[in-house]
Amino acid sequence: MFRRFMVCWLALAVAVSSAVVAQVDPGFGSLHQEGQHVGILWVPDRLQDACEYQEHWYLFADYEYPGREHPIETVIEMGDDPGIETVEQFKELMAEEYPGGHHVTVVAIEHREDCR
């Protein structure tokens, strides 16, 4: 029960923080806070005019959730994609290379005239 609550809370916190940042282009990136590597971001390819897409965040234990009470700058540095094609591949690679992290899926929805 507690784990399920924490996963839901984490997903909401990441969704809110990413919504403030802006749309993330497809690709693979590193998350940094105060010069420290705190996570990995993968956004699968999507149609250019897609109204909805997913971002996959793999957060290390030292990732801090930004908020009004705790402002912290989170920088995304896009890098080379290691050829990830599925969410399962991403999760397996992350668990193997960075044990102890948490996978969070963020659903991003475009608010454009043609996305109703």
N, C-alpha and C. Protein backbone atom coordinates (compact mmCIF):
# COMPACT_ATOMS: atom_id res chain seq x y z
N MET A 1 0.82 -1.19 0.00
CA MET A 1 0.00 0.00 0.00
C MET A 1 0.86 1.27 0.00
N PHE A 2 1.85 1.31 0.91
CA PHE A 2 2.72 2.47 0.98
C PHE A 2 3.48 2.67 -0.32
N ARG A 3 4.02 1.57 -0.88
CA ARG A 3 4.76 1.65 -2.14
C ARG A 3 3.88 2.19 -3.25
N ARG A 4 2.64 1.71 -3.34
CA ARG A 4 1.72 2.18 -4.38
C ARG A 4 1.43 3.68 -4.20
N PHE A 5 1.24 4.11 -2.95
CA PHE A 5 1.02 5.52 -2.66
C PHE A 5 2.22 6.34 -3.10
N MET A 6 3.44 5.86 -2.77
CA MET A 6 4.64 6.60 -3.12
C MET A 6 4.82 6.69 -4.63
N VAL A 7 4.56 5.61 -5.35
CA VAL A 7 4.68 5.63 -6.81
C VAL A 7 3.71 6.64 -7.40
N CYS A 8 2.47 6.66 -6.93
CA CYS A 8 1.48 7.63 -7.43
C CYS A 8 1.91 9.05 -7.11
N TRP A 9 2.40 9.26 -5.89
CA TRP A 9 2.83 10.59 -5.48
C TRP A 9 4.03 11.03 -6.32
N LEU A 10 4.98 10.13 -6.54
CA LEU A 10 6.15 10.45 -7.34
C LEU A 10 5.75 10.80 -8.77
N ALA A 11 4.83 10.04 -9.34
CA ALA A 11 4.38 10.30 -10.71
C ALA A 11 3.75 11.68 -10.80
N LEU A 12 2.94 12.03 -9.82
CA LEU A 12 2.30 13.34 -9.80
C LEU A 12 3.33 14.44 -9.66
N ALA A 13 4.28 14.26 -8.77
CA ALA A 13 5.31 15.29 -8.57
C ALA A 13 6.13 15.51 -9.83
N VAL A 14 6.52 14.44 -10.49
CA VAL A 14 7.29 14.56 -11.73
C VAL A 14 6.45 15.20 -12.82
N ALA A 15 5.18 14.81 -12.91
CA ALA A 15 4.30 15.39 -13.93
C ALA A 15 4.17 16.89 -13.74
N VAL A 16 4.00 17.32 -12.51
CA VAL A 16 3.86 18.75 -12.24
C VAL A 16 5.16 19.46 -12.56
N SER A 17 6.29 18.91 -12.14
CA SER A 17 7.55 19.58 -12.39
C SER A 17 7.90 19.60 -13.87
N SER A 18 7.57 18.53 -14.61
CA SER A 18 7.88 18.53 -16.04
C SER A 18 6.94 19.43 -16.81
N ALA A 19 5.70 19.57 -16.34
CA ALA A 19 4.76 20.45 -17.01
C ALA A 19 5.22 21.89 -16.94
N VAL A 20 5.90 22.25 -15.87
CA VAL A 20 6.41 23.60 -15.72
C VAL A 20 7.59 23.83 -16.66
N VAL A 21 8.37 22.79 -16.90
CA VAL A 21 9.57 22.92 -17.72
C VAL A 21 9.21 23.15 -19.18
N ALA A 22 8.45 22.27 -19.79
CA ALA A 22 8.00 22.36 -21.18
C ALA A 22 8.08 21.00 -21.83
N GLN A 23 7.69 20.96 -23.08
CA GLN A 23 7.72 19.71 -23.84
C GLN A 23 9.16 19.25 -24.01
N VAL A 24 9.35 17.95 -23.92
CA VAL A 24 10.67 17.37 -24.10
C VAL A 24 10.68 16.65 -25.45
N ASP A 25 11.67 16.95 -26.26
CA ASP A 25 11.79 16.30 -27.57
C ASP A 25 12.19 14.84 -27.40
N PRO A 26 11.87 14.00 -28.37
CA PRO A 26 12.27 12.60 -28.31
C PRO A 26 13.79 12.46 -28.18
N GLY A 27 14.18 11.47 -27.42
CA GLY A 27 15.60 11.20 -27.23
C GLY A 27 15.91 10.72 -25.83
N PHE A 28 17.17 10.76 -25.50
CA PHE A 28 17.71 10.22 -24.27
C PHE A 28 18.49 11.32 -23.58
N GLY A 29 18.26 11.54 -22.30
CA GLY A 29 18.97 12.61 -21.62
C GLY A 29 19.31 12.29 -20.19
N SER A 30 20.18 13.10 -19.63
CA SER A 30 20.59 12.98 -18.24
C SER A 30 19.98 14.12 -17.44
N LEU A 31 19.54 13.81 -16.23
CA LEU A 31 18.98 14.81 -15.33
C LEU A 31 20.06 15.21 -14.32
N HIS A 32 20.22 16.52 -14.14
CA HIS A 32 21.23 17.02 -13.21
C HIS A 32 20.59 18.05 -12.28
N GLN A 33 20.97 17.99 -11.03
CA GLN A 33 20.57 18.98 -10.03
C GLN A 33 21.82 19.39 -9.26
N GLU A 34 22.08 20.68 -9.23
CA GLU A 34 23.25 21.22 -8.53
C GLU A 34 24.53 20.50 -8.93
N GLY A 35 24.67 20.23 -10.24
CA GLY A 35 25.86 19.61 -10.77
C GLY A 35 25.97 18.11 -10.55
N GLN A 36 24.96 17.51 -9.97
CA GLN A 36 24.98 16.08 -9.68
C GLN A 36 24.05 15.33 -10.63
N HIS A 37 24.50 14.18 -11.15
CA HIS A 37 23.69 13.34 -12.04
C HIS A 37 22.66 12.62 -11.18
N VAL A 38 21.36 12.91 -11.41
CA VAL A 38 20.30 12.38 -10.54
C VAL A 38 19.26 11.54 -11.27
N GLY A 39 19.44 11.31 -12.58
CA GLY A 39 18.46 10.50 -13.29
C GLY A 39 18.68 10.48 -14.78
N ILE A 40 17.84 9.67 -15.44
CA ILE A 40 17.88 9.50 -16.89
C ILE A 40 16.47 9.72 -17.42
N LEU A 41 16.38 10.34 -18.58
CA LEU A 41 15.09 10.60 -19.23
C LEU A 41 15.12 9.98 -20.62
N TRP A 42 14.05 9.29 -20.97
CA TRP A 42 13.91 8.75 -22.33
C TRP A 42 12.52 9.10 -22.84
N VAL A 43 12.48 9.74 -24.00
CA VAL A 43 11.22 10.08 -24.66
C VAL A 43 11.22 9.36 -26.01
N PRO A 44 10.33 8.37 -26.18
CA PRO A 44 10.28 7.64 -27.45
C PRO A 44 9.88 8.55 -28.61
N ASP A 45 10.25 8.13 -29.82
CA ASP A 45 9.82 8.86 -31.02
C ASP A 45 8.30 8.90 -31.07
N ARG A 46 7.79 9.95 -31.67
CA ARG A 46 6.34 10.09 -31.82
C ARG A 46 6.06 10.86 -33.10
N LEU A 47 4.82 10.81 -33.55
CA LEU A 47 4.43 11.60 -34.71
C LEU A 47 4.58 13.07 -34.37
N GLN A 48 5.00 13.86 -35.34
CA GLN A 48 5.26 15.27 -35.11
C GLN A 48 4.03 16.01 -34.59
N ASP A 49 2.85 15.65 -35.06
CA ASP A 49 1.64 16.36 -34.65
C ASP A 49 0.87 15.62 -33.55
N ALA A 50 1.53 14.74 -32.82
CA ALA A 50 0.86 13.98 -31.75
C ALA A 50 0.35 14.93 -30.67
N CYS A 51 -0.82 14.62 -30.16
CA CYS A 51 -1.42 15.43 -29.10
C CYS A 51 -1.06 14.90 -27.71
N GLU A 52 -0.56 13.69 -27.64
CA GLU A 52 -0.22 13.08 -26.37
C GLU A 52 1.01 12.20 -26.56
N TYR A 53 1.89 12.20 -25.57
CA TYR A 53 3.07 11.33 -25.62
C TYR A 53 3.51 11.00 -24.20
N GLN A 54 4.45 10.06 -24.10
CA GLN A 54 4.95 9.66 -22.80
C GLN A 54 6.44 9.98 -22.66
N GLU A 55 6.81 10.35 -21.44
CA GLU A 55 8.21 10.51 -21.07
C GLU A 55 8.49 9.46 -20.00
N HIS A 56 9.66 8.86 -20.05
CA HIS A 56 10.04 7.86 -19.06
C HIS A 56 11.24 8.39 -18.28
N TRP A 57 11.03 8.60 -17.00
CA TRP A 57 12.06 9.13 -16.11
C TRP A 57 12.55 8.00 -15.22
N TYR A 58 13.85 7.86 -15.09
CA TYR A 58 14.43 6.92 -14.14
C TYR A 58 15.20 7.76 -13.15
N LEU A 59 14.68 7.83 -11.93
CA LEU A 59 15.19 8.74 -10.92
C LEU A 59 16.05 8.01 -9.90
N PHE A 60 17.23 8.54 -9.66
CA PHE A 60 18.13 7.96 -8.67
C PHE A 60 17.65 8.38 -7.27
N ALA A 61 18.18 7.73 -6.26
CA ALA A 61 17.75 7.99 -4.88
C ALA A 61 17.99 9.44 -4.45
N ASP A 62 18.99 10.11 -5.03
CA ASP A 62 19.30 11.48 -4.61
C ASP A 62 18.58 12.54 -5.45
N TYR A 63 17.66 12.13 -6.33
CA TYR A 63 16.83 13.10 -7.07
C TYR A 63 15.93 13.80 -6.06
N GLU A 64 15.82 15.12 -6.17
CA GLU A 64 14.95 15.90 -5.28
C GLU A 64 13.81 16.49 -6.10
N TYR A 65 12.60 16.35 -5.59
CA TYR A 65 11.43 16.87 -6.29
C TYR A 65 11.31 18.37 -6.08
N PRO A 66 11.32 19.13 -7.18
CA PRO A 66 11.19 20.58 -7.07
C PRO A 66 9.78 20.97 -6.65
N GLY A 67 9.66 22.10 -6.02
CA GLY A 67 8.35 22.61 -5.63
C GLY A 67 8.49 23.99 -5.02
N ARG A 68 7.37 24.60 -4.68
CA ARG A 68 7.40 25.93 -4.07
C ARG A 68 8.19 25.95 -2.78
N GLU A 69 8.01 24.92 -1.99
CA GLU A 69 8.70 24.84 -0.70
C GLU A 69 10.17 24.46 -0.86
N HIS A 70 10.49 23.86 -1.99
CA HIS A 70 11.84 23.36 -2.21
C HIS A 70 12.26 23.62 -3.66
N PRO A 71 12.59 24.87 -3.98
CA PRO A 71 13.00 25.15 -5.36
C PRO A 71 14.39 24.58 -5.63
N ILE A 72 14.49 23.82 -6.69
CA ILE A 72 15.78 23.27 -7.12
C ILE A 72 15.77 23.19 -8.64
N GLU A 73 16.81 23.68 -9.24
CA GLU A 73 16.89 23.66 -10.70
C GLU A 73 17.24 22.25 -11.18
N THR A 74 16.47 21.76 -12.12
CA THR A 74 16.74 20.46 -12.74
C THR A 74 17.06 20.71 -14.20
N VAL A 75 18.22 20.27 -14.62
CA VAL A 75 18.70 20.48 -15.99
C VAL A 75 18.68 19.15 -16.73
N ILE A 76 18.14 19.18 -17.94
CA ILE A 76 18.14 17.99 -18.80
C ILE A 76 19.18 18.21 -19.89
N GLU A 77 20.15 17.32 -19.95
CA GLU A 77 21.16 17.37 -21.00
C GLU A 77 20.90 16.21 -21.95
N MET A 78 20.44 16.50 -23.14
CA MET A 78 20.16 15.45 -24.12
C MET A 78 21.47 14.87 -24.63
N GLY A 79 21.44 13.56 -24.85
CA GLY A 79 22.64 12.87 -25.30
C GLY A 79 22.32 11.80 -26.32
N ASP A 80 23.27 10.91 -26.51
CA ASP A 80 23.11 9.83 -27.49
C ASP A 80 22.14 8.78 -26.97
N ASP A 81 21.24 8.37 -27.85
CA ASP A 81 20.27 7.32 -27.52
C ASP A 81 20.96 5.97 -27.71
N PRO A 82 20.94 5.13 -26.69
CA PRO A 82 21.61 3.83 -26.82
C PRO A 82 20.81 2.80 -27.61
N GLY A 83 19.81 3.24 -28.37
CA GLY A 83 19.04 2.33 -29.21
C GLY A 83 17.85 1.71 -28.50
N ILE A 84 17.35 2.36 -27.50
CA ILE A 84 16.17 1.87 -26.77
C ILE A 84 14.96 1.94 -27.69
N GLU A 85 14.17 0.86 -27.74
CA GLU A 85 12.97 0.85 -28.58
C GLU A 85 11.70 0.60 -27.79
N THR A 86 11.81 0.05 -26.59
CA THR A 86 10.61 -0.24 -25.81
C THR A 86 10.82 0.19 -24.36
N VAL A 87 9.71 0.37 -23.67
CA VAL A 87 9.75 0.73 -22.25
C VAL A 87 10.44 -0.39 -21.46
N GLU A 88 10.17 -1.63 -21.83
CA GLU A 88 10.78 -2.76 -21.13
C GLU A 88 12.31 -2.71 -21.26
N GLN A 89 12.82 -2.40 -22.46
CA GLN A 89 14.27 -2.27 -22.64
C GLN A 89 14.83 -1.16 -21.77
N PHE A 90 14.14 -0.03 -21.74
CA PHE A 90 14.59 1.11 -20.92
C PHE A 90 14.66 0.71 -19.45
N LYS A 91 13.59 0.10 -18.95
CA LYS A 91 13.55 -0.29 -17.54
C LYS A 91 14.64 -1.31 -17.21
N GLU A 92 14.85 -2.28 -18.07
CA GLU A 92 15.89 -3.30 -17.84
C GLU A 92 17.28 -2.67 -17.82
N LEU A 93 17.55 -1.79 -18.79
CA LEU A 93 18.86 -1.14 -18.86
C LEU A 93 19.10 -0.28 -17.63
N MET A 94 18.09 0.48 -17.23
CA MET A 94 18.25 1.36 -16.07
C MET A 94 18.47 0.55 -14.79
N ALA A 95 17.69 -0.50 -14.58
CA ALA A 95 17.83 -1.32 -13.38
C ALA A 95 19.21 -1.99 -13.33
N GLU A 96 19.71 -2.35 -14.51
CA GLU A 96 21.03 -2.99 -14.59
C GLU A 96 22.14 -1.99 -14.31
N GLU A 97 22.06 -0.81 -14.93
CA GLU A 97 23.14 0.17 -14.81
C GLU A 97 23.04 1.04 -13.56
N TYR A 98 21.83 1.26 -13.07
CA TYR A 98 21.61 2.13 -11.92
C TYR A 98 20.65 1.47 -10.93
N PRO A 99 21.07 0.42 -10.25
CA PRO A 99 20.16 -0.26 -9.32
C PRO A 99 19.68 0.68 -8.22
N GLY A 100 18.44 0.48 -7.81
CA GLY A 100 17.89 1.28 -6.71
C GLY A 100 17.13 2.51 -7.15
N GLY A 101 17.05 2.76 -8.45
CA GLY A 101 16.29 3.91 -8.93
C GLY A 101 14.82 3.57 -9.09
N HIS A 102 14.04 4.57 -9.53
CA HIS A 102 12.60 4.39 -9.71
C HIS A 102 12.19 4.86 -11.10
N HIS A 103 11.41 4.06 -11.80
CA HIS A 103 10.88 4.42 -13.12
C HIS A 103 9.55 5.13 -12.93
N VAL A 104 9.41 6.27 -13.57
CA VAL A 104 8.16 7.04 -13.54
C VAL A 104 7.77 7.36 -14.97
N THR A 105 6.50 7.13 -15.32
CA THR A 105 5.99 7.49 -16.64
C THR A 105 5.17 8.76 -16.51
N VAL A 106 5.48 9.73 -17.36
CA VAL A 106 4.74 10.99 -17.39
C VAL A 106 4.00 11.05 -18.73
N VAL A 107 2.71 11.30 -18.68
CA VAL A 107 1.92 11.48 -19.89
C VAL A 107 1.80 12.99 -20.13
N ALA A 108 2.31 13.42 -21.26
CA ALA A 108 2.25 14.84 -21.63
C ALA A 108 1.16 15.03 -22.67
N ILE A 109 0.33 16.03 -22.46
CA ILE A 109 -0.79 16.31 -23.37
C ILE A 109 -0.63 17.72 -23.93
N GLU A 110 -0.60 17.80 -25.23
CA GLU A 110 -0.51 19.10 -25.91
C GLU A 110 -1.85 19.82 -25.80
N HIS A 111 -1.81 21.10 -25.57
CA HIS A 111 -3.03 21.90 -25.53
C HIS A 111 -3.00 22.87 -26.71
N ARG A 112 -3.30 22.30 -27.88
CA ARG A 112 -3.35 23.09 -29.10
C ARG A 112 -4.78 23.02 -29.64
N GLU A 113 -5.06 23.88 -30.58
CA GLU A 113 -6.38 23.94 -31.19
C GLU A 113 -6.77 22.61 -31.83
N ASP A 114 -5.80 21.92 -32.47
CA ASP A 114 -6.10 20.66 -33.14
C ASP A 114 -6.06 19.45 -32.21
N CYS A 115 -5.83 19.66 -30.93
CA CYS A 115 -5.77 18.56 -29.94
C CYS A 115 -6.93 18.67 -28.97
N ARG A 116 -8.10 18.32 -29.44
CA ARG A 116 -9.28 18.40 -28.56
C ARG A 116 -9.82 17.07 -28.26
